[in-house]
Amino acid sequence: MKSNRDVKMLVKKLRKVSYPLVSNAMLLSLISLITVYSATYTRSNSFFMKEIVWIILGIVVFFIFSLIDYRLYLKYSKIVYIFNVLMLLSVYAFGSTILGAKRWIKLGPISIQPSEFSKLFIVLTFSALLVVKYREKFVGIKTIFFTSLHFIPIFLLIAKQPDLGTSLVLVFLYCLLIFIYGIDIKSFSLLIGSGLAFIPFAYFFLLKTYQRQRIKTFLNPEADMLGSGWNVIQSKIAIGSGGIFGKGILQGTQNKLKFLPEAHTDFIGSVLLEETGFIGGIILIFLYLLLIYNILLVAQKSDSEYGKLVAYGISGIIFFHTVVNLGMIMGIMPVTGLPLLLMSYGGSSFIFVFMMLGIVQSIKLYG
């Protein structure tokens, strides 16, 4: 009797799956598979085969997290926060340095990037902090100061790696969540103004040399066409040469002739736009907007303040990654190394996104 009841409960939960959300994610993953194959087939098919494995694992992760009651993260938020800190500290103890940054931990044949998952964990724990400690009132600079202390340890651990892109995601998430939760406009405006005034200090005294170079390259990529400006210039050439309808799948010359570095990761969008053109770019942007819209629908329909904040935070992560990465490949934003979620090759990235989407499904399921 008990087993029959459990099966019926499971079937009932599966019937409440947000099919628009799942189909949207799977369509983006399919486009990613095609584009990764196109970006790497002249070198090796291993990237394509590994991505299939990561997507399958991602789907499994999605269903596991969709069946876990998201309210448990509220109940055990302190444990989640401690785990987040320990996970980031482990990078310094066991991490591998790749391209000058210590962000990855090797686990046998695979590498995990803890900073990817830290973005989700900070959304889970900070949302819990807001609804538990600031349920009645969230006003004033004093409140901003004390709530920012929740972010600062995570921010510093990630910035130290260094990982400027993820650090910026955390700043964006903090501002987004306190704005949605209802911080008074005066305090919020003062926070934004202070942040803008802090930028010159951060540029000269906090950023590393290569990070400052990225900003200079963003402002004038032609100043070092064969050096720091190479990636962006080749990306813009690839996008421009795609025209309206593109050159066709597997026909991108910038990628095929290896003019475009990191074609399957940071610049995966450049490969797609060269091969599918302006039309392909419009479809890609539409799919991301639709994905974000489906997540926002779940947030709006949730009866839980915590569920709303978590869903809004997850939509914010996807929005920030999408805007920054697409802006980066078009040369209208500095290169930060943020992947295009559900498109860029990378195991941690796919598991991270499907985990987030599983939690969104859990919010839909449990209300």
Protein backbone atom coordinates (compact mmCIF):
# COMPACT_ATOMS: atom_id res chain seq x y z
CA MET A 1 0.00 0.00 0.00
CA LYS A 2 2.74 2.40 0.94
CA SER A 3 4.70 1.71 -2.26
CA ASN A 4 1.57 2.27 -4.39
CA ARG A 5 0.99 5.56 -2.59
CA ASP A 6 4.60 6.62 -3.24
CA VAL A 7 4.29 5.77 -6.93
CA LYS A 8 1.05 7.77 -7.21
CA MET A 9 2.73 10.70 -5.45
CA LEU A 10 5.67 10.53 -7.86
CA VAL A 11 3.35 10.41 -10.90
CA LYS A 12 1.42 13.39 -9.52
CA LYS A 13 4.67 15.34 -9.15
CA LEU A 14 5.80 14.47 -12.67
CA ARG A 15 2.49 15.73 -14.05
CA LYS A 16 3.28 19.15 -12.58
CA VAL A 17 6.54 19.42 -14.51
CA SER A 18 6.86 22.79 -16.23
CA TYR A 19 7.11 21.46 -19.78
CA PRO A 20 7.74 24.91 -21.32
CA LEU A 21 10.73 25.29 -18.97
CA VAL A 22 12.10 21.82 -19.71
CA SER A 23 11.56 21.97 -23.47
CA ASN A 24 13.16 25.44 -23.55
CA ALA A 25 16.27 24.17 -21.74
CA MET A 26 16.48 21.06 -23.90
CA LEU A 27 16.21 23.08 -27.13
CA LEU A 28 19.07 25.33 -26.02
CA SER A 29 21.09 22.22 -25.08
CA LEU A 30 20.44 20.72 -28.53
CA ILE A 31 21.61 23.94 -30.22
CA SER A 32 24.67 23.83 -27.96
CA LEU A 33 25.46 20.26 -29.02
CA ILE A 34 25.32 21.18 -32.70
CA THR A 35 27.41 24.31 -32.18
CA VAL A 36 30.03 22.59 -29.99
CA TYR A 37 30.37 19.88 -32.64
CA SER A 38 30.80 22.56 -35.31
CA ALA A 39 33.39 24.38 -33.15
CA THR A 40 35.48 21.29 -32.40
CA TYR A 41 35.00 18.63 -35.12
CA THR A 42 38.22 19.61 -36.92
CA ARG A 43 40.17 18.92 -33.72
CA SER A 44 38.39 16.16 -31.82
CA ASN A 45 34.94 14.64 -31.28
CA SER A 46 35.66 14.21 -27.56
CA PHE A 47 34.12 17.59 -26.70
CA PHE A 48 30.88 16.62 -28.42
CA MET A 49 30.72 13.20 -26.73
CA LYS A 50 31.52 14.67 -23.30
CA GLU A 51 28.82 17.30 -23.69
CA ILE A 52 26.25 14.57 -24.39
CA VAL A 53 27.26 12.95 -21.10
CA TRP A 54 27.04 16.28 -19.24
CA ILE A 55 23.57 17.00 -20.63
CA ILE A 56 22.32 13.53 -19.63
CA LEU A 57 23.76 14.00 -16.13
CA GLY A 58 22.19 17.46 -16.06
CA ILE A 59 18.76 16.01 -16.81
CA VAL A 60 19.18 13.51 -13.96
CA VAL A 61 20.23 16.36 -11.65
CA PHE A 62 17.19 18.36 -12.77
CA PHE A 63 14.75 15.63 -11.74
CA ILE A 64 16.54 14.95 -8.45
CA PHE A 65 16.42 18.61 -7.40
CA SER A 66 12.87 19.06 -8.69
CA LEU A 67 11.70 16.36 -6.25
CA ILE A 68 13.50 17.91 -3.24
CA ASP A 69 11.27 20.36 -1.37
CA TYR A 70 13.01 23.72 -1.89
CA ARG A 71 11.88 24.84 1.59
CA LEU A 72 14.56 22.54 3.03
CA TYR A 73 17.15 25.06 1.83
CA LEU A 74 15.43 27.67 3.98
CA LYS A 75 15.46 25.36 6.98
CA TYR A 76 19.12 24.43 6.55
CA SER A 77 20.38 27.71 5.07
CA LYS A 78 23.23 28.01 7.59
CA ILE A 79 24.54 24.59 6.61
CA VAL A 80 24.28 25.53 2.91
CA TYR A 81 26.23 28.72 3.60
CA ILE A 82 29.00 26.89 5.50
CA PHE A 83 29.19 24.32 2.70
CA ASN A 84 29.53 27.16 0.19
CA VAL A 85 32.46 28.67 2.11
CA LEU A 86 34.19 25.30 2.57
CA MET A 87 33.72 24.46 -1.10
CA LEU A 88 35.42 27.70 -2.14
CA LEU A 89 38.21 27.24 0.42
CA SER A 90 38.87 23.77 -0.99
CA VAL A 91 39.92 25.41 -4.26
CA TYR A 92 42.93 26.96 -2.50
CA ALA A 93 43.85 23.65 -0.89
CA PHE A 94 43.26 21.23 -3.77
CA GLY A 95 42.62 23.41 -6.83
CA SER A 96 44.43 23.41 -10.15
CA THR A 97 45.72 26.56 -11.82
CA ILE A 98 44.56 26.95 -15.42
CA LEU A 99 45.31 30.04 -17.53
CA GLY A 100 46.57 31.88 -14.44
CA ALA A 101 43.44 31.30 -12.33
CA LYS A 102 42.92 28.79 -9.53
CA ARG A 103 39.22 27.96 -9.93
CA TRP A 104 39.00 24.24 -10.64
CA ILE A 105 39.22 21.06 -8.57
CA LYS A 106 40.16 17.90 -10.43
CA LEU A 107 38.16 14.81 -9.53
CA GLY A 108 39.74 12.07 -11.60
CA PRO A 109 39.04 12.72 -15.28
CA ILE A 110 36.75 15.69 -14.64
CA SER A 111 37.19 19.21 -13.28
CA ILE A 112 34.63 21.02 -11.12
CA GLN A 113 34.43 24.80 -10.77
CA PRO A 114 33.00 25.52 -7.28
CA SER A 115 32.46 29.22 -8.01
CA GLU A 116 29.75 28.25 -10.51
CA PHE A 117 27.66 26.60 -7.81
CA SER A 118 28.39 29.33 -5.26
CA LYS A 119 26.10 31.70 -7.18
CA LEU A 120 23.14 29.41 -6.63
CA PHE A 121 24.04 28.73 -3.00
CA ILE A 122 24.27 32.45 -2.22
CA VAL A 123 20.80 32.96 -3.73
CA LEU A 124 19.44 30.18 -1.50
CA THR A 125 21.06 31.47 1.69
CA PHE A 126 20.63 35.20 1.15
CA SER A 127 16.95 34.75 0.29
CA ALA A 128 16.59 32.84 3.57
CA LEU A 129 18.31 35.65 5.47
CA LEU A 130 15.92 38.24 4.04
CA VAL A 131 12.69 36.38 4.76
CA VAL A 132 13.74 35.27 8.25
CA LYS A 133 15.52 38.34 9.69
CA TYR A 134 14.05 41.18 7.65
CA ARG A 135 10.43 40.10 7.27
CA GLU A 136 9.03 43.22 8.91
CA LYS A 137 11.36 45.98 7.73
CA PHE A 138 14.15 46.39 5.23
CA VAL A 139 15.19 50.04 5.31
CA GLY A 140 18.35 52.10 5.61
CA ILE A 141 22.10 52.01 5.06
CA LYS A 142 22.59 50.09 8.29
CA THR A 143 20.49 47.24 6.90
CA ILE A 144 22.45 47.30 3.65
CA PHE A 145 25.71 47.10 5.58
CA PHE A 146 24.69 44.09 7.70
CA THR A 147 23.10 42.17 4.82
CA SER A 148 26.16 42.76 2.63
CA LEU A 149 28.24 40.92 5.24
CA HIS A 150 26.50 37.76 4.04
CA PHE A 151 28.03 38.26 0.57
CA ILE A 152 31.48 39.59 1.44
CA PRO A 153 33.23 36.30 2.44
CA ILE A 154 31.95 34.56 -0.69
CA PHE A 155 32.84 37.57 -2.84
CA LEU A 156 36.41 37.76 -1.49
CA LEU A 157 37.03 34.03 -1.88
CA ILE A 158 35.94 34.17 -5.52
CA ALA A 159 37.70 37.46 -6.34
CA LYS A 160 40.94 36.02 -4.94
CA GLN A 161 40.96 33.10 -7.42
CA PRO A 162 40.70 35.47 -9.44
CA ASP A 163 37.25 35.26 -11.06
CA LEU A 164 36.04 38.74 -11.95
CA GLY A 165 33.00 37.51 -13.87
CA THR A 166 31.51 35.55 -10.98
CA SER A 167 32.36 38.37 -8.56
CA LEU A 168 30.29 40.73 -10.71
CA VAL A 169 27.43 38.22 -10.73
CA LEU A 170 27.41 38.32 -6.92
CA VAL A 171 27.26 42.13 -6.87
CA PHE A 172 24.38 42.03 -9.36
CA LEU A 173 22.52 39.38 -7.33
CA TYR A 174 22.83 41.36 -4.10
CA CYS A 175 21.42 44.51 -5.72
CA LEU A 176 18.68 42.56 -7.49
CA LEU A 177 17.46 40.66 -4.43
CA ILE A 178 17.35 43.64 -2.07
CA PHE A 179 15.58 45.69 -4.75
CA ILE A 180 12.96 42.98 -5.28
CA TYR A 181 12.56 42.50 -1.54
CA GLY A 182 11.71 46.17 -1.13
CA ILE A 183 14.68 48.25 0.02
CA ASP A 184 13.74 51.93 0.17
CA ILE A 185 14.67 53.87 -2.96
CA LYS A 186 16.79 56.43 -1.08
CA SER A 187 19.07 53.77 0.41
CA PHE A 188 19.19 51.81 -2.86
CA SER A 189 20.13 54.93 -4.83
CA LEU A 190 22.88 55.71 -2.32
CA LEU A 191 24.17 52.13 -2.66
CA ILE A 192 24.30 52.36 -6.46
CA GLY A 193 25.92 55.81 -6.32
CA SER A 194 28.56 54.59 -3.87
CA GLY A 195 29.26 51.59 -6.09
CA LEU A 196 29.78 53.77 -9.15
CA ALA A 197 32.07 56.11 -7.19
CA PHE A 198 34.09 53.08 -6.05
CA ILE A 199 34.82 51.92 -9.62
CA PRO A 200 37.93 54.12 -10.20
CA PHE A 201 39.48 52.90 -6.91
CA ALA A 202 38.73 49.29 -7.82
CA TYR A 203 40.22 49.74 -11.28
CA PHE A 204 43.56 51.17 -10.09
CA PHE A 205 44.06 49.29 -6.81
CA LEU A 206 42.03 46.05 -6.86
CA LEU A 207 42.06 44.75 -10.41
CA LYS A 208 45.01 42.71 -11.60
CA THR A 209 47.04 43.84 -14.61
CA TYR A 210 45.37 41.45 -17.05
CA GLN A 211 41.92 42.53 -15.81
CA ARG A 212 42.74 46.19 -16.44
CA GLN A 213 44.03 45.17 -19.86
CA ARG A 214 40.69 43.56 -20.66
CA ILE A 215 38.93 46.85 -19.95
CA LYS A 216 41.41 48.75 -22.12
CA THR A 217 40.87 46.18 -24.86
CA PHE A 218 37.12 46.63 -24.56
CA LEU A 219 37.51 50.39 -25.06
CA ASN A 220 39.96 50.05 -27.94
CA PRO A 221 40.53 46.46 -29.18
CA GLU A 222 42.40 47.70 -32.27
CA ALA A 223 45.21 49.05 -30.06
CA ASP A 224 46.55 45.49 -29.67
CA MET A 225 45.05 43.59 -32.61
CA LEU A 226 47.46 40.64 -32.40
CA GLY A 227 47.43 40.43 -28.60
CA SER A 228 44.68 41.18 -26.10
CA GLY A 229 42.31 42.48 -28.78
CA TRP A 230 42.56 39.37 -30.97
CA ASN A 231 39.63 37.39 -29.51
CA VAL A 232 37.13 40.25 -29.66
CA ILE A 233 38.17 41.36 -33.14
CA GLN A 234 37.93 37.83 -34.54
CA SER A 235 34.57 37.39 -32.80
CA LYS A 236 33.20 40.56 -34.40
CA ILE A 237 34.50 39.44 -37.81
CA ALA A 238 32.78 36.06 -37.35
CA ILE A 239 29.46 37.64 -36.35
CA GLY A 240 29.60 40.23 -39.13
CA SER A 241 30.49 37.68 -41.80
CA GLY A 242 27.42 35.63 -40.87
CA GLY A 243 25.14 38.25 -42.41
CA ILE A 244 21.38 37.72 -42.23
CA PHE A 245 21.14 33.95 -42.72
CA GLY A 246 24.66 32.76 -41.86
CA LYS A 247 27.17 30.65 -43.76
CA GLY A 248 25.56 27.34 -42.79
CA ILE A 249 26.31 24.72 -40.13
CA LEU A 250 29.96 23.55 -40.23
CA GLN A 251 30.75 26.33 -42.71
CA GLY A 252 32.09 29.02 -40.32
CA THR A 253 35.52 29.99 -41.62
CA GLN A 254 36.68 31.99 -38.59
CA ASN A 255 36.20 28.89 -36.45
CA LYS A 256 37.29 26.30 -39.01
CA LEU A 257 40.53 28.14 -39.77
CA LYS A 258 41.16 28.55 -36.00
CA PHE A 259 41.06 32.35 -36.00
CA LEU A 260 38.55 32.24 -33.14
CA PRO A 261 40.10 31.07 -29.81
CA GLU A 262 37.95 29.44 -27.14
CA ALA A 263 35.32 28.83 -29.81
CA HIS A 264 33.50 26.09 -27.87
CA THR A 265 33.48 27.92 -24.52
CA ASP A 266 33.45 31.71 -24.09
CA PHE A 267 32.89 32.45 -27.79
CA ILE A 268 30.38 29.72 -28.62
CA GLY A 269 27.89 32.46 -29.55
CA SER A 270 30.28 33.75 -32.23
CA VAL A 271 30.36 30.32 -33.87
CA LEU A 272 26.57 30.11 -33.87
CA LEU A 273 26.09 33.63 -35.26
CA GLU A 274 28.63 33.11 -38.02
CA GLU A 275 26.87 29.93 -39.13
CA THR A 276 23.23 30.97 -38.60
CA GLY A 277 23.49 34.74 -38.99
CA PHE A 278 21.23 37.46 -37.64
CA ILE A 279 18.19 35.14 -37.76
CA GLY A 280 19.97 32.57 -35.58
CA GLY A 281 20.94 35.29 -33.12
CA ILE A 282 17.35 36.51 -32.83
CA ILE A 283 16.13 32.94 -32.20
CA LEU A 284 18.84 32.44 -29.56
CA ILE A 285 17.93 35.66 -27.71
CA PHE A 286 14.23 34.75 -27.92
CA LEU A 287 14.90 31.34 -26.33
CA TYR A 288 16.79 32.91 -23.44
CA LEU A 289 14.07 35.53 -22.89
CA LEU A 290 11.48 32.75 -22.95
CA LEU A 291 13.47 30.72 -20.42
CA ILE A 292 13.72 33.71 -18.09
CA TYR A 293 10.00 34.45 -18.60
CA ASN A 294 9.06 30.87 -17.62
CA ILE A 295 11.13 31.16 -14.44
CA LEU A 296 9.51 34.51 -13.59
CA LEU A 297 6.07 32.92 -14.06
CA VAL A 298 6.96 30.32 -11.44
CA ALA A 299 8.14 33.12 -9.11
CA GLN A 300 4.93 35.09 -9.51
CA LYS A 301 2.70 32.07 -8.88
CA SER A 302 4.58 30.94 -5.77
CA ASP A 303 2.81 31.52 -2.45
CA SER A 304 6.14 31.54 -0.62
CA GLU A 305 8.19 34.72 -0.25
CA TYR A 306 11.27 32.53 -0.11
CA GLY A 307 10.30 30.69 -3.29
CA LYS A 308 9.73 33.98 -5.10
CA LEU A 309 13.14 35.34 -4.12
CA VAL A 310 14.98 32.15 -5.10
CA ALA A 311 13.28 32.02 -8.51
CA TYR A 312 13.97 35.71 -9.10
CA GLY A 313 17.61 35.16 -8.13
CA ILE A 314 17.95 32.21 -10.52
CA SER A 315 16.42 34.22 -13.36
CA GLY A 316 18.89 36.99 -12.49
CA ILE A 317 21.86 34.62 -12.82
CA ILE A 318 20.73 33.46 -16.27
CA PHE A 319 19.95 37.03 -17.37
CA PHE A 320 23.35 38.38 -16.27
CA HIS A 321 25.30 35.56 -17.92
CA THR A 322 23.36 35.96 -21.16
CA VAL A 323 23.69 39.74 -21.40
CA VAL A 324 27.39 39.80 -20.46
CA ASN A 325 28.44 36.91 -22.70
CA LEU A 326 26.53 38.11 -25.77
CA GLY A 327 27.77 41.66 -25.11
CA MET A 328 31.32 40.33 -24.81
CA ILE A 329 31.32 38.50 -28.16
CA MET A 330 29.91 41.62 -29.88
CA GLY A 331 32.54 43.86 -28.31
CA ILE A 332 30.10 46.00 -26.33
CA MET A 333 31.19 44.55 -22.96
CA PRO A 334 34.60 43.60 -21.53
CA VAL A 335 35.74 39.97 -21.69
CA THR A 336 34.96 38.45 -18.29
CA GLY A 337 35.01 34.72 -18.92
CA LEU A 338 31.33 34.21 -18.07
CA PRO A 339 29.96 31.29 -20.12
CA LEU A 340 26.74 31.41 -22.10
CA LEU A 341 24.68 29.08 -19.92
CA LEU A 342 23.24 26.00 -21.66
CA MET A 343 25.41 26.82 -24.68
CA SER A 344 29.10 27.03 -23.69
CA TYR A 345 30.92 23.71 -23.31
CA GLY A 346 31.59 22.76 -19.69
CA GLY A 347 30.44 20.13 -17.23
CA SER A 348 30.16 22.36 -14.17
CA SER A 349 28.14 24.86 -16.17
CA PHE A 350 25.56 22.33 -17.37
CA ILE A 351 25.14 20.65 -13.99
CA PHE A 352 24.83 24.09 -12.37
CA VAL A 353 22.08 25.24 -14.77
CA PHE A 354 20.04 22.05 -14.53
CA MET A 355 20.35 22.18 -10.75
CA MET A 356 18.92 25.71 -10.80
CA LEU A 357 16.11 24.69 -13.13
CA GLY A 358 15.35 21.70 -10.88
CA ILE A 359 14.94 24.06 -7.92
CA VAL A 360 12.63 26.26 -10.02
CA GLN A 361 10.55 23.16 -10.79
CA SER A 362 10.50 22.34 -7.08
CA ILE A 363 9.11 25.84 -6.36
CA LYS A 364 6.36 25.19 -8.92
CA LEU A 365 5.67 21.80 -7.38
CA TYR A 366 5.58 22.76 -3.70
CA GLY A 367 4.19 26.29 -4.09
